[in-house]
Amino acid sequence: MAQTGLEVRQLYSERDDRVLFAELCFTLSAGDVLQIAGPNGSGKTSLLRILAGLSSRYQGDILWHNHSLEQQRADYLQQLLYIGHGAGIKAALSPLENLRWSCALRGLPADDNPIRSALAKVGLRGFEEQACYSLSAGQQRRVNLARLFCIPAQLWILDEPFTAIDQRGVAEIEQWISDFANTGGAILLTTHHRLMINRPLRIIELGER
């Protein structure tokens, strides 16, 4: 049985005096893929931001490897890779510069080889040194997704990873998710897209009462 990495117990959050979710409980272990579903405004992004450590607007318990997040916060954030709904890049910088900055924030060595390999993996070979403002929305999204391949992590938290991505790119991302889970990674994501992956998929529906 896979070791439980992330555990959520009795999570409660509200926004503008409206309850987004209450008594929310789930676990996420190595190799798991968990989709958070629900209509717009149901709290999907709010939940992911809480679990990414970007929001403290909640009650309840979050555990990482059976210890409270407060006790394991540094290790948790080091093992977590969060990609939000937006492009998540500096438009004036090149893809190479953006990823150098992301790697530096994680204390990774200043080595361009893994970064260039990551950019090639997401289809940006030849665009490494072009300013991101000149790239298409889909290419800008791919710059952010390239972080998946140059920043080691145990847990991916992905908010609408298919935004601005073409049909071929959707299939690629689905394969990346499957590959990561197959090697023991855990994935928590939101998407309105029907996932086609070769792994068991669990779905939690928000907005249901």
N, C-alpha and C. Protein backbone atom coordinates (compact mmCIF):
# COMPACT_ATOMS: atom_id res chain seq x y z
N MET A 1 0.85 -1.20 0.00
CA MET A 1 0.00 0.00 0.00
C MET A 1 0.88 1.24 0.00
N ALA A 2 0.57 2.20 -0.86
CA ALA A 2 1.38 3.41 -0.98
C ALA A 2 1.26 4.27 0.28
N GLN A 3 2.37 4.89 0.65
CA GLN A 3 2.36 5.76 1.82
C GLN A 3 1.54 7.01 1.52
N THR A 4 0.72 7.41 2.51
CA THR A 4 -0.07 8.62 2.34
C THR A 4 0.85 9.82 2.40
N GLY A 5 0.83 10.66 1.36
CA GLY A 5 1.63 11.87 1.37
C GLY A 5 0.85 13.03 1.93
N LEU A 6 -0.28 13.34 1.29
CA LEU A 6 -1.11 14.48 1.68
C LEU A 6 -2.43 13.96 2.25
N GLU A 7 -2.83 14.53 3.38
CA GLU A 7 -4.11 14.17 3.98
C GLU A 7 -4.84 15.44 4.39
N VAL A 8 -6.09 15.53 4.01
CA VAL A 8 -6.94 16.67 4.33
C VAL A 8 -8.07 16.20 5.23
N ARG A 9 -8.22 16.86 6.36
CA ARG A 9 -9.22 16.47 7.34
C ARG A 9 -10.16 17.63 7.68
N GLN A 10 -11.43 17.44 7.42
CA GLN A 10 -12.47 18.37 7.86
C GLN A 10 -12.16 19.80 7.42
N LEU A 11 -11.79 19.97 6.17
CA LEU A 11 -11.41 21.30 5.67
C LEU A 11 -12.66 22.13 5.39
N TYR A 12 -12.59 23.39 5.84
CA TYR A 12 -13.71 24.32 5.69
C TYR A 12 -13.16 25.65 5.18
N SER A 13 -13.86 26.24 4.21
CA SER A 13 -13.45 27.56 3.72
C SER A 13 -14.67 28.30 3.20
N GLU A 14 -14.64 29.60 3.34
CA GLU A 14 -15.72 30.43 2.81
C GLU A 14 -15.14 31.66 2.15
N ARG A 15 -15.94 32.29 1.30
CA ARG A 15 -15.56 33.51 0.61
C ARG A 15 -16.77 34.41 0.53
N ASP A 16 -16.62 35.65 0.94
CA ASP A 16 -17.72 36.62 0.92
C ASP A 16 -18.94 36.07 1.63
N ASP A 17 -18.69 35.48 2.81
CA ASP A 17 -19.75 34.92 3.66
C ASP A 17 -20.49 33.76 3.00
N ARG A 18 -19.88 33.15 2.00
CA ARG A 18 -20.48 31.99 1.35
C ARG A 18 -19.56 30.79 1.54
N VAL A 19 -20.11 29.70 2.02
CA VAL A 19 -19.32 28.49 2.24
C VAL A 19 -18.93 27.88 0.90
N LEU A 20 -17.64 27.67 0.71
CA LEU A 20 -17.15 27.01 -0.50
C LEU A 20 -17.16 25.50 -0.33
N PHE A 21 -16.61 25.05 0.77
CA PHE A 21 -16.64 23.61 1.08
C PHE A 21 -16.53 23.46 2.59
N ALA A 22 -17.07 22.34 3.07
CA ALA A 22 -17.07 22.06 4.51
C ALA A 22 -16.91 20.56 4.71
N GLU A 23 -16.23 20.20 5.79
CA GLU A 23 -16.01 18.79 6.14
C GLU A 23 -15.37 18.01 4.99
N LEU A 24 -14.49 18.69 4.27
CA LEU A 24 -13.83 18.06 3.13
C LEU A 24 -12.68 17.19 3.62
N CYS A 25 -12.69 15.93 3.24
CA CYS A 25 -11.66 14.98 3.66
C CYS A 25 -11.19 14.17 2.46
N PHE A 26 -9.89 13.99 2.33
CA PHE A 26 -9.35 13.08 1.33
C PHE A 26 -7.88 12.84 1.60
N THR A 27 -7.34 11.80 1.00
CA THR A 27 -5.90 11.52 1.06
C THR A 27 -5.36 11.42 -0.35
N LEU A 28 -4.07 11.67 -0.46
CA LEU A 28 -3.39 11.58 -1.75
C LEU A 28 -2.05 10.88 -1.51
N SER A 29 -1.90 9.71 -2.11
CA SER A 29 -0.70 8.90 -1.90
C SER A 29 0.13 8.86 -3.17
N ALA A 30 1.32 8.30 -3.06
CA ALA A 30 2.20 8.16 -4.21
C ALA A 30 1.49 7.41 -5.33
N GLY A 31 1.53 7.96 -6.53
CA GLY A 31 0.89 7.34 -7.68
C GLY A 31 -0.55 7.71 -7.89
N ASP A 32 -1.12 8.50 -6.98
CA ASP A 32 -2.54 8.88 -7.09
C ASP A 32 -2.72 10.07 -8.04
N VAL A 33 -3.85 10.07 -8.74
CA VAL A 33 -4.29 11.22 -9.53
C VAL A 33 -5.68 11.58 -9.03
N LEU A 34 -5.83 12.78 -8.51
CA LEU A 34 -7.10 13.23 -7.94
C LEU A 34 -7.54 14.51 -8.64
N GLN A 35 -8.73 14.47 -9.22
CA GLN A 35 -9.29 15.63 -9.91
C GLN A 35 -10.32 16.30 -9.01
N ILE A 36 -10.19 17.61 -8.85
CA ILE A 36 -11.18 18.41 -8.14
C ILE A 36 -12.09 19.01 -9.21
N ALA A 37 -13.35 18.62 -9.17
CA ALA A 37 -14.32 19.06 -10.17
C ALA A 37 -15.37 19.95 -9.51
N GLY A 38 -16.20 20.56 -10.36
CA GLY A 38 -17.28 21.39 -9.85
C GLY A 38 -17.48 22.60 -10.74
N PRO A 39 -18.64 23.26 -10.62
CA PRO A 39 -18.92 24.43 -11.45
C PRO A 39 -18.04 25.61 -11.07
N ASN A 40 -18.00 26.62 -11.94
CA ASN A 40 -17.26 27.84 -11.64
C ASN A 40 -17.78 28.44 -10.34
N GLY A 41 -16.85 28.88 -9.50
CA GLY A 41 -17.23 29.48 -8.23
C GLY A 41 -17.43 28.50 -7.10
N SER A 42 -17.18 27.22 -7.35
CA SER A 42 -17.40 26.21 -6.31
C SER A 42 -16.24 26.08 -5.35
N GLY A 43 -15.12 26.76 -5.63
CA GLY A 43 -13.99 26.75 -4.70
C GLY A 43 -12.81 25.91 -5.14
N LYS A 44 -12.76 25.50 -6.39
CA LYS A 44 -11.66 24.63 -6.85
C LYS A 44 -10.30 25.33 -6.72
N THR A 45 -10.21 26.54 -7.27
CA THR A 45 -8.95 27.27 -7.20
C THR A 45 -8.62 27.64 -5.77
N SER A 46 -9.63 28.02 -5.00
CA SER A 46 -9.39 28.34 -3.58
C SER A 46 -8.79 27.15 -2.85
N LEU A 47 -9.31 25.96 -3.12
CA LEU A 47 -8.78 24.76 -2.48
C LEU A 47 -7.34 24.52 -2.89
N LEU A 48 -7.04 24.63 -4.16
CA LEU A 48 -5.68 24.39 -4.62
C LEU A 48 -4.71 25.41 -4.04
N ARG A 49 -5.14 26.66 -3.92
CA ARG A 49 -4.28 27.69 -3.33
C ARG A 49 -4.02 27.41 -1.85
N ILE A 50 -5.02 26.90 -1.16
CA ILE A 50 -4.82 26.51 0.23
C ILE A 50 -3.78 25.41 0.31
N LEU A 51 -3.93 24.39 -0.53
CA LEU A 51 -3.02 23.25 -0.48
C LEU A 51 -1.64 23.58 -1.01
N ALA A 52 -1.53 24.65 -1.79
CA ALA A 52 -0.22 25.10 -2.27
C ALA A 52 0.45 26.04 -1.28
N GLY A 53 -0.20 26.31 -0.16
CA GLY A 53 0.38 27.18 0.85
C GLY A 53 0.24 28.65 0.56
N LEU A 54 -0.65 29.01 -0.37
CA LEU A 54 -0.81 30.40 -0.78
C LEU A 54 -1.99 31.09 -0.10
N SER A 55 -2.77 30.36 0.65
CA SER A 55 -3.91 30.93 1.35
C SER A 55 -4.07 30.25 2.69
N SER A 56 -4.39 31.04 3.69
CA SER A 56 -4.63 30.50 5.04
C SER A 56 -6.10 30.65 5.43
N ARG A 57 -6.94 30.89 4.45
CA ARG A 57 -8.37 31.11 4.72
C ARG A 57 -9.11 29.78 4.80
N TYR A 58 -8.83 29.04 5.83
CA TYR A 58 -9.48 27.74 6.00
C TYR A 58 -9.43 27.33 7.46
N GLN A 59 -10.27 26.37 7.78
CA GLN A 59 -10.22 25.67 9.06
C GLN A 59 -10.11 24.19 8.75
N GLY A 60 -9.53 23.45 9.70
CA GLY A 60 -9.33 22.02 9.48
C GLY A 60 -7.86 21.69 9.51
N ASP A 61 -7.53 20.46 9.16
CA ASP A 61 -6.16 19.98 9.26
C ASP A 61 -5.64 19.51 7.90
N ILE A 62 -4.40 19.87 7.62
CA ILE A 62 -3.69 19.38 6.43
C ILE A 62 -2.42 18.71 6.92
N LEU A 63 -2.22 17.46 6.54
CA LEU A 63 -1.06 16.69 6.98
C LEU A 63 -0.20 16.30 5.79
N TRP A 64 1.11 16.28 6.01
CA TRP A 64 2.07 15.84 5.01
C TRP A 64 2.91 14.74 5.64
N HIS A 65 2.83 13.56 5.06
CA HIS A 65 3.51 12.39 5.62
C HIS A 65 3.19 12.20 7.11
N ASN A 66 1.90 12.31 7.41
CA ASN A 66 1.35 12.03 8.74
C ASN A 66 1.71 13.07 9.80
N HIS A 67 2.24 14.21 9.40
CA HIS A 67 2.53 15.29 10.34
C HIS A 67 1.82 16.55 9.86
N SER A 68 1.43 17.40 10.81
CA SER A 68 0.72 18.62 10.44
C SER A 68 1.56 19.47 9.51
N LEU A 69 0.90 20.20 8.66
CA LEU A 69 1.61 21.03 7.68
C LEU A 69 2.48 22.08 8.37
N GLU A 70 2.04 22.55 9.54
CA GLU A 70 2.84 23.53 10.28
C GLU A 70 4.20 22.95 10.65
N GLN A 71 4.23 21.66 10.95
CA GLN A 71 5.49 21.01 11.33
C GLN A 71 6.35 20.66 10.12
N GLN A 72 5.71 20.44 8.98
CA GLN A 72 6.42 19.96 7.79
C GLN A 72 6.43 20.98 6.65
N ARG A 73 6.13 22.22 6.95
CA ARG A 73 5.90 23.20 5.89
C ARG A 73 7.09 23.34 4.94
N ALA A 74 8.30 23.46 5.48
CA ALA A 74 9.47 23.64 4.61
C ALA A 74 9.66 22.45 3.68
N ASP A 75 9.56 21.24 4.22
CA ASP A 75 9.72 20.04 3.40
C ASP A 75 8.59 19.92 2.39
N TYR A 76 7.38 20.24 2.84
CA TYR A 76 6.22 20.16 1.95
C TYR A 76 6.39 21.08 0.74
N LEU A 77 6.74 22.33 1.01
CA LEU A 77 6.87 23.29 -0.09
C LEU A 77 8.03 22.91 -1.02
N GLN A 78 9.04 22.26 -0.47
CA GLN A 78 10.16 21.82 -1.31
C GLN A 78 9.77 20.68 -2.22
N GLN A 79 8.81 19.87 -1.79
CA GLN A 79 8.38 18.70 -2.56
C GLN A 79 7.15 18.99 -3.43
N LEU A 80 6.65 20.21 -3.37
CA LEU A 80 5.44 20.60 -4.08
C LEU A 80 5.77 21.44 -5.30
N LEU A 81 5.09 21.17 -6.40
CA LEU A 81 5.18 22.05 -7.57
C LEU A 81 3.78 22.47 -7.95
N TYR A 82 3.52 23.75 -7.82
CA TYR A 82 2.19 24.31 -8.09
C TYR A 82 2.23 25.11 -9.38
N ILE A 83 1.28 24.83 -10.26
CA ILE A 83 1.11 25.63 -11.48
C ILE A 83 -0.31 26.16 -11.47
N GLY A 84 -0.42 27.48 -11.35
CA GLY A 84 -1.72 28.11 -11.23
C GLY A 84 -2.43 28.28 -12.57
N HIS A 85 -3.58 28.92 -12.50
CA HIS A 85 -4.42 29.07 -13.68
C HIS A 85 -3.81 30.04 -14.70
N GLY A 86 -3.06 31.04 -14.22
CA GLY A 86 -2.46 32.01 -15.12
C GLY A 86 -1.18 31.49 -15.77
N ALA A 87 -0.60 32.32 -16.63
CA ALA A 87 0.62 31.91 -17.34
C ALA A 87 1.78 31.70 -16.38
N GLY A 88 1.85 32.53 -15.32
CA GLY A 88 2.86 32.33 -14.30
C GLY A 88 4.28 32.63 -14.74
N ILE A 89 4.43 33.59 -15.66
CA ILE A 89 5.76 33.94 -16.16
C ILE A 89 5.90 35.45 -16.23
N LYS A 90 7.15 35.91 -16.34
CA LYS A 90 7.44 37.31 -16.59
C LYS A 90 7.56 37.52 -18.09
N ALA A 91 6.64 38.32 -18.64
CA ALA A 91 6.56 38.45 -20.10
C ALA A 91 7.80 39.06 -20.71
N ALA A 92 8.51 39.91 -19.98
CA ALA A 92 9.69 40.57 -20.54
C ALA A 92 10.90 39.65 -20.58
N LEU A 93 10.84 38.53 -19.86
CA LEU A 93 11.95 37.60 -19.82
C LEU A 93 11.76 36.50 -20.87
N SER A 94 12.83 35.86 -21.22
CA SER A 94 12.77 34.72 -22.14
C SER A 94 12.35 33.47 -21.37
N PRO A 95 11.93 32.40 -22.07
CA PRO A 95 11.65 31.14 -21.38
C PRO A 95 12.84 30.67 -20.54
N LEU A 96 14.04 30.78 -21.09
CA LEU A 96 15.24 30.37 -20.37
C LEU A 96 15.41 31.17 -19.08
N GLU A 97 15.22 32.48 -19.17
CA GLU A 97 15.38 33.34 -17.99
C GLU A 97 14.30 33.06 -16.97
N ASN A 98 13.07 32.83 -17.41
CA ASN A 98 11.99 32.51 -16.48
C ASN A 98 12.28 31.25 -15.70
N LEU A 99 12.77 30.23 -16.38
CA LEU A 99 13.04 28.96 -15.70
C LEU A 99 14.30 29.02 -14.85
N ARG A 100 15.27 29.82 -15.25
CA ARG A 100 16.43 30.04 -14.37
C ARG A 100 15.97 30.63 -13.04
N TRP A 101 15.07 31.60 -13.12
CA TRP A 101 14.54 32.25 -11.92
C TRP A 101 13.77 31.25 -11.06
N SER A 102 12.93 30.42 -11.70
CA SER A 102 12.16 29.42 -10.95
C SER A 102 13.09 28.43 -10.25
N CYS A 103 14.13 27.99 -10.95
CA CYS A 103 15.07 27.04 -10.36
C CYS A 103 15.86 27.68 -9.22
N ALA A 104 16.25 28.94 -9.39
CA ALA A 104 17.00 29.63 -8.34
C ALA A 104 16.16 29.74 -7.07
N LEU A 105 14.86 29.96 -7.20
CA LEU A 105 13.99 30.05 -6.03
C LEU A 105 13.95 28.74 -5.26
N ARG A 106 14.19 27.63 -5.95
CA ARG A 106 14.20 26.32 -5.30
C ARG A 106 15.61 25.91 -4.86
N GLY A 107 16.58 26.78 -5.07
CA GLY A 107 17.94 26.47 -4.66
C GLY A 107 18.62 25.45 -5.55
N LEU A 108 18.15 25.33 -6.79
CA LEU A 108 18.74 24.38 -7.72
C LEU A 108 19.96 24.97 -8.40
N PRO A 109 20.91 24.14 -8.83
CA PRO A 109 22.13 24.64 -9.47
C PRO A 109 21.82 25.44 -10.74
N ALA A 110 22.66 26.43 -11.01
CA ALA A 110 22.50 27.26 -12.20
C ALA A 110 23.05 26.51 -13.41
N ASP A 111 22.26 25.57 -13.91
CA ASP A 111 22.68 24.72 -15.03
C ASP A 111 21.60 24.82 -16.10
N ASP A 112 21.97 25.34 -17.26
CA ASP A 112 21.00 25.54 -18.33
C ASP A 112 20.60 24.24 -19.02
N ASN A 113 21.40 23.18 -18.90
CA ASN A 113 21.09 21.95 -19.63
C ASN A 113 19.73 21.36 -19.26
N PRO A 114 19.40 21.21 -17.96
CA PRO A 114 18.07 20.68 -17.64
C PRO A 114 16.95 21.61 -18.09
N ILE A 115 17.21 22.91 -18.05
CA ILE A 115 16.19 23.87 -18.46
C ILE A 115 15.95 23.77 -19.96
N ARG A 116 17.00 23.70 -20.73
CA ARG A 116 16.84 23.57 -22.19
C ARG A 116 16.16 22.24 -22.53
N SER A 117 16.48 21.19 -21.80
CA SER A 117 15.83 19.90 -22.03
C SER A 117 14.35 19.98 -21.71
N ALA A 118 14.01 20.69 -20.63
CA ALA A 118 12.61 20.85 -20.25
C ALA A 118 11.84 21.64 -21.30
N LEU A 119 12.44 22.69 -21.81
CA LEU A 119 11.79 23.49 -22.85
C LEU A 119 11.61 22.69 -24.14
N ALA A 120 12.59 21.86 -24.46
CA ALA A 120 12.45 20.98 -25.64
C ALA A 120 11.33 19.98 -25.42
N LYS A 121 11.21 19.47 -24.19
CA LYS A 121 10.17 18.50 -23.85
C LYS A 121 8.78 19.06 -24.10
N VAL A 122 8.60 20.36 -23.82
CA VAL A 122 7.27 20.96 -23.98
C VAL A 122 7.10 21.64 -25.34
N GLY A 123 8.03 21.40 -26.25
CA GLY A 123 7.87 21.89 -27.63
C GLY A 123 8.35 23.30 -27.87
N LEU A 124 9.31 23.77 -27.05
CA LEU A 124 9.78 25.15 -27.21
C LEU A 124 11.25 25.22 -27.64
N ARG A 125 11.73 24.16 -28.26
CA ARG A 125 13.09 24.22 -28.81
C ARG A 125 13.13 25.32 -29.89
N GLY A 126 14.13 26.18 -29.78
CA GLY A 126 14.25 27.30 -30.71
C GLY A 126 13.64 28.59 -30.20
N PHE A 127 12.89 28.50 -29.11
CA PHE A 127 12.26 29.70 -28.52
C PHE A 127 12.87 30.04 -27.16
N GLU A 128 13.97 29.38 -26.81
CA GLU A 128 14.51 29.50 -25.45
C GLU A 128 14.86 30.94 -25.07
N GLU A 129 15.34 31.74 -26.03
CA GLU A 129 15.84 33.08 -25.71
C GLU A 129 14.97 34.18 -26.30
N GLN A 130 13.77 33.83 -26.70
CA GLN A 130 12.83 34.82 -27.24
C GLN A 130 11.98 35.37 -26.10
N ALA A 131 11.75 36.68 -26.10
CA ALA A 131 10.95 37.29 -25.04
C ALA A 131 9.56 36.66 -25.00
N CYS A 132 9.07 36.36 -23.81
CA CYS A 132 7.80 35.63 -23.69
C CYS A 132 6.61 36.44 -24.18
N TYR A 133 6.70 37.79 -24.16
CA TYR A 133 5.57 38.58 -24.65
C TYR A 133 5.32 38.37 -26.14
N SER A 134 6.33 37.86 -26.85
CA SER A 134 6.17 37.62 -28.29
C SER A 134 5.66 36.22 -28.59
N LEU A 135 5.48 35.40 -27.56
CA LEU A 135 4.99 34.04 -27.75
C LEU A 135 3.47 34.01 -27.69
N SER A 136 2.88 32.97 -28.27
CA SER A 136 1.43 32.80 -28.19
C SER A 136 1.03 32.43 -26.77
N ALA A 137 -0.27 32.50 -26.49
CA ALA A 137 -0.77 32.14 -25.16
C ALA A 137 -0.43 30.69 -24.83
N GLY A 138 -0.56 29.82 -25.83
CA GLY A 138 -0.24 28.42 -25.61
C GLY A 138 1.24 28.21 -25.34
N GLN A 139 2.09 28.94 -26.05
CA GLN A 139 3.53 28.81 -25.82
C GLN A 139 3.91 29.35 -24.44
N GLN A 140 3.28 30.44 -24.03
CA GLN A 140 3.54 30.98 -22.70
C GLN A 140 3.14 29.97 -21.63
N ARG A 141 2.01 29.29 -21.86
CA ARG A 141 1.58 28.27 -20.91
C ARG A 141 2.60 27.13 -20.86
N ARG A 142 3.18 26.80 -22.00
CA ARG A 142 4.17 25.73 -22.05
C ARG A 142 5.44 26.10 -21.30
N VAL A 143 5.79 27.39 -21.29
CA VAL A 143 6.94 27.83 -20.50
C VAL A 143 6.73 27.46 -19.04
N ASN A 144 5.56 27.74 -18.53
CA ASN A 144 5.24 27.41 -17.14
C ASN A 144 5.23 25.90 -16.93
N LEU A 145 4.64 25.17 -17.86
CA LEU A 145 4.59 23.71 -17.74
C LEU A 145 5.98 23.07 -17.80
N ALA A 146 6.92 23.75 -18.41
CA ALA A 146 8.29 23.21 -18.47
C ALA A 146 8.90 23.05 -17.09
N ARG A 147 8.37 23.78 -16.10
CA ARG A 147 8.85 23.62 -14.73
C ARG A 147 8.67 22.19 -14.23
N LEU A 148 7.68 21.48 -14.78
CA LEU A 148 7.45 20.10 -14.38
C LEU A 148 8.67 19.21 -14.63
N PHE A 149 9.51 19.62 -15.57
CA PHE A 149 10.62 18.76 -15.99
C PHE A 149 11.99 19.27 -15.58
N CYS A 150 12.05 20.40 -14.88
CA CYS A 150 13.37 20.86 -14.40
C CYS A 150 13.36 21.12 -12.90
N ILE A 151 12.22 20.95 -12.24
CA ILE A 151 12.14 21.13 -10.79
C ILE A 151 11.62 19.83 -10.19
N PRO A 152 12.45 19.09 -9.47
CA PRO A 152 12.00 17.83 -8.86
C PRO A 152 10.90 18.07 -7.84
N ALA A 153 9.93 17.16 -7.78
CA ALA A 153 8.82 17.28 -6.83
C ALA A 153 8.20 15.92 -6.62
N GLN A 154 7.51 15.77 -5.49
CA GLN A 154 6.73 14.56 -5.23
C GLN A 154 5.26 14.79 -5.54
N LEU A 155 4.83 16.05 -5.49
CA LEU A 155 3.42 16.39 -5.63
C LEU A 155 3.25 17.51 -6.63
N TRP A 156 2.42 17.28 -7.64
CA TRP A 156 2.03 18.33 -8.58
C TRP A 156 0.63 18.81 -8.22
N ILE A 157 0.46 20.12 -8.08
CA ILE A 157 -0.86 20.72 -7.94
C ILE A 157 -1.06 21.60 -9.16
N LEU A 158 -2.01 21.24 -10.01
CA LEU A 158 -2.18 21.87 -11.32
C LEU A 158 -3.58 22.44 -11.43
N ASP A 159 -3.67 23.75 -11.64
CA ASP A 159 -4.96 24.42 -11.79
C ASP A 159 -5.20 24.68 -13.28
N GLU A 160 -6.13 23.93 -13.85
CA GLU A 160 -6.48 24.05 -15.27
C GLU A 160 -5.23 24.00 -16.16
N PRO A 161 -4.47 22.92 -16.12
CA PRO A 161 -3.22 22.86 -16.90
C PRO A 161 -3.42 22.88 -18.41
N PHE A 162 -4.65 22.63 -18.89
CA PHE A 162 -4.89 22.56 -20.33
C PHE A 162 -5.29 23.91 -20.92
N THR A 163 -5.33 24.96 -20.11
CA THR A 163 -5.71 26.28 -20.60
C THR A 163 -4.79 26.73 -21.74
N ALA A 164 -5.39 27.16 -22.85
CA ALA A 164 -4.67 27.69 -24.02
C ALA A 164 -3.84 26.64 -24.75
N ILE A 165 -4.04 25.37 -24.43
CA ILE A 165 -3.26 24.30 -25.05
C ILE A 165 -4.07 23.63 -26.16
N ASP A 166 -3.41 23.37 -27.30
CA ASP A 166 -4.10 22.75 -28.43
C ASP A 166 -4.32 21.26 -28.18
N GLN A 167 -5.03 20.61 -29.10
CA GLN A 167 -5.43 19.22 -28.91
C GLN A 167 -4.23 18.29 -28.75
N ARG A 168 -3.21 18.51 -29.55
CA ARG A 168 -2.01 17.68 -29.43
C ARG A 168 -1.35 17.90 -28.07
N GLY A 169 -1.32 19.15 -27.63
CA GLY A 169 -0.73 19.45 -26.34
C GLY A 169 -1.50 18.83 -25.19
N VAL A 170 -2.82 18.77 -25.31
CA VAL A 170 -3.65 18.14 -24.28
C VAL A 170 -3.23 16.68 -24.10
N ALA A 171 -3.06 15.98 -25.21
CA ALA A 171 -2.65 14.57 -25.13
C ALA A 171 -1.26 14.43 -24.51
N GLU A 172 -0.38 15.39 -24.79
CA GLU A 172 0.96 15.36 -24.20
C GLU A 172 0.89 15.53 -22.69
N ILE A 173 0.09 16.48 -22.24
CA ILE A 173 -0.02 16.73 -20.79
C ILE A 173 -0.63 15.52 -20.10
N GLU A 174 -1.62 14.90 -20.71
CA GLU A 174 -2.20 13.69 -20.14
C GLU A 174 -1.13 12.61 -19.99
N GLN A 175 -0.25 12.50 -20.97
CA GLN A 175 0.82 11.51 -20.88
C GLN A 175 1.82 11.86 -19.79
N TRP A 176 2.12 13.15 -19.64
CA TRP A 176 3.03 13.59 -18.58
C TRP A 176 2.45 13.25 -17.21
N ILE A 177 1.14 13.47 -17.05
CA ILE A 177 0.48 13.15 -15.78
C ILE A 177 0.58 11.65 -15.51
N SER A 178 0.29 10.84 -16.52
CA SER A 178 0.38 9.39 -16.36
C SER A 178 1.80 8.95 -16.01
N ASP A 179 2.78 9.50 -16.72
CA ASP A 179 4.17 9.13 -16.49
C ASP A 179 4.61 9.49 -15.08
N PHE A 180 4.22 10.67 -14.62
CA PHE A 180 4.61 11.11 -13.28
C PHE A 180 4.00 10.21 -12.22
N ALA A 181 2.73 9.87 -12.38
CA ALA A 181 2.07 8.97 -11.43
C ALA A 181 2.69 7.58 -11.49
N ASN A 182 3.05 7.13 -12.67
CA ASN A 182 3.65 5.80 -12.81
C ASN A 182 5.00 5.70 -12.10
N THR A 183 5.67 6.82 -11.91
CA THR A 183 6.96 6.82 -11.21
C THR A 183 6.80 7.16 -9.73
N GLY A 184 5.57 7.20 -9.25
CA GLY A 184 5.33 7.42 -7.82
C GLY A 184 4.97 8.83 -7.44
N GLY A 185 4.82 9.72 -8.40
CA GLY A 185 4.38 11.08 -8.09
C GLY A 185 2.89 11.12 -7.81
N ALA A 186 2.45 12.14 -7.10
CA ALA A 186 1.03 12.35 -6.82
C ALA A 186 0.58 13.63 -7.50
N ILE A 187 -0.63 13.61 -8.05
CA ILE A 187 -1.15 14.76 -8.79
C ILE A 187 -2.53 15.14 -8.29
N LEU A 188 -2.69 16.42 -8.00
CA LEU A 188 -3.98 16.99 -7.66
C LEU A 188 -4.25 18.08 -8.68
N LEU A 189 -5.36 18.03 -9.39
CA LEU A 189 -5.59 19.01 -10.44
C LEU A 189 -7.06 19.37 -10.58
N THR A 190 -7.29 20.51 -11.18
CA THR A 190 -8.62 20.91 -11.61
C THR A 190 -8.62 21.00 -13.12
N THR A 191 -9.72 20.62 -13.72
CA THR A 191 -9.88 20.75 -15.17
C THR A 191 -11.34 20.52 -15.53
N HIS A 192 -11.80 21.21 -16.55
CA HIS A 192 -13.11 20.93 -17.13
C HIS A 192 -12.99 19.90 -18.26
N HIS A 193 -11.76 19.52 -18.54
CA HIS A 193 -11.48 18.55 -19.60
C HIS A 193 -11.67 17.13 -19.07
N ARG A 194 -12.19 16.26 -19.89
CA ARG A 194 -12.32 14.86 -19.51
C ARG A 194 -10.97 14.18 -19.68
N LEU A 195 -10.36 13.81 -18.57
CA LEU A 195 -9.01 13.25 -18.61
C LEU A 195 -8.98 11.86 -19.23
N MET A 196 -8.00 11.65 -20.08
CA MET A 196 -7.76 10.34 -20.68
C MET A 196 -6.36 9.92 -20.28
N ILE A 197 -6.26 9.20 -19.17
CA ILE A 197 -4.96 8.77 -18.67
C ILE A 197 -5.00 7.27 -18.39
N ASN A 198 -3.83 6.66 -18.39
CA ASN A 198 -3.77 5.21 -18.17
C ASN A 198 -3.50 4.90 -16.70
N ARG A 199 -4.15 5.68 -15.83
CA ARG A 199 -4.06 5.50 -14.38
C ARG A 199 -5.46 5.61 -13.79
N PRO A 200 -5.71 4.96 -12.65
CA PRO A 200 -6.99 5.18 -11.96
C PRO A 200 -7.13 6.66 -11.60
N LEU A 201 -8.31 7.18 -11.77
CA LEU A 201 -8.58 8.60 -11.52
C LEU A 201 -9.69 8.72 -10.48
N ARG A 202 -9.42 9.44 -9.41
CA ARG A 202 -10.44 9.76 -8.43
C ARG A 202 -10.92 11.19 -8.67
N ILE A 203 -12.22 11.40 -8.44
CA ILE A 203 -12.80 12.73 -8.64
C ILE A 203 -13.56 13.14 -7.40
N ILE A 204 -13.31 14.37 -6.94
CA ILE A 204 -14.08 14.97 -5.86
C ILE A 204 -14.85 16.14 -6.45
N GLU A 205 -16.13 16.14 -6.25
CA GLU A 205 -17.01 17.18 -6.81
C GLU A 205 -17.32 18.21 -5.74
N LEU A 206 -16.90 19.43 -5.95
CA LEU A 206 -17.24 20.53 -5.06
C LEU A 206 -18.57 21.15 -5.49
N GLY A 207 -19.21 21.83 -4.59
CA GLY A 207 -20.47 22.49 -4.91
C GLY A 207 -21.67 21.61 -4.72
N GLU A 208 -21.47 20.37 -4.23
CA GLU A 208 -22.59 19.48 -3.97
C GLU A 208 -22.94 19.55 -2.49
N ARG A 209 -24.19 19.63 -2.19
CA ARG A 209 -24.68 19.70 -0.81
C ARG A 209 -25.72 18.60 -0.60
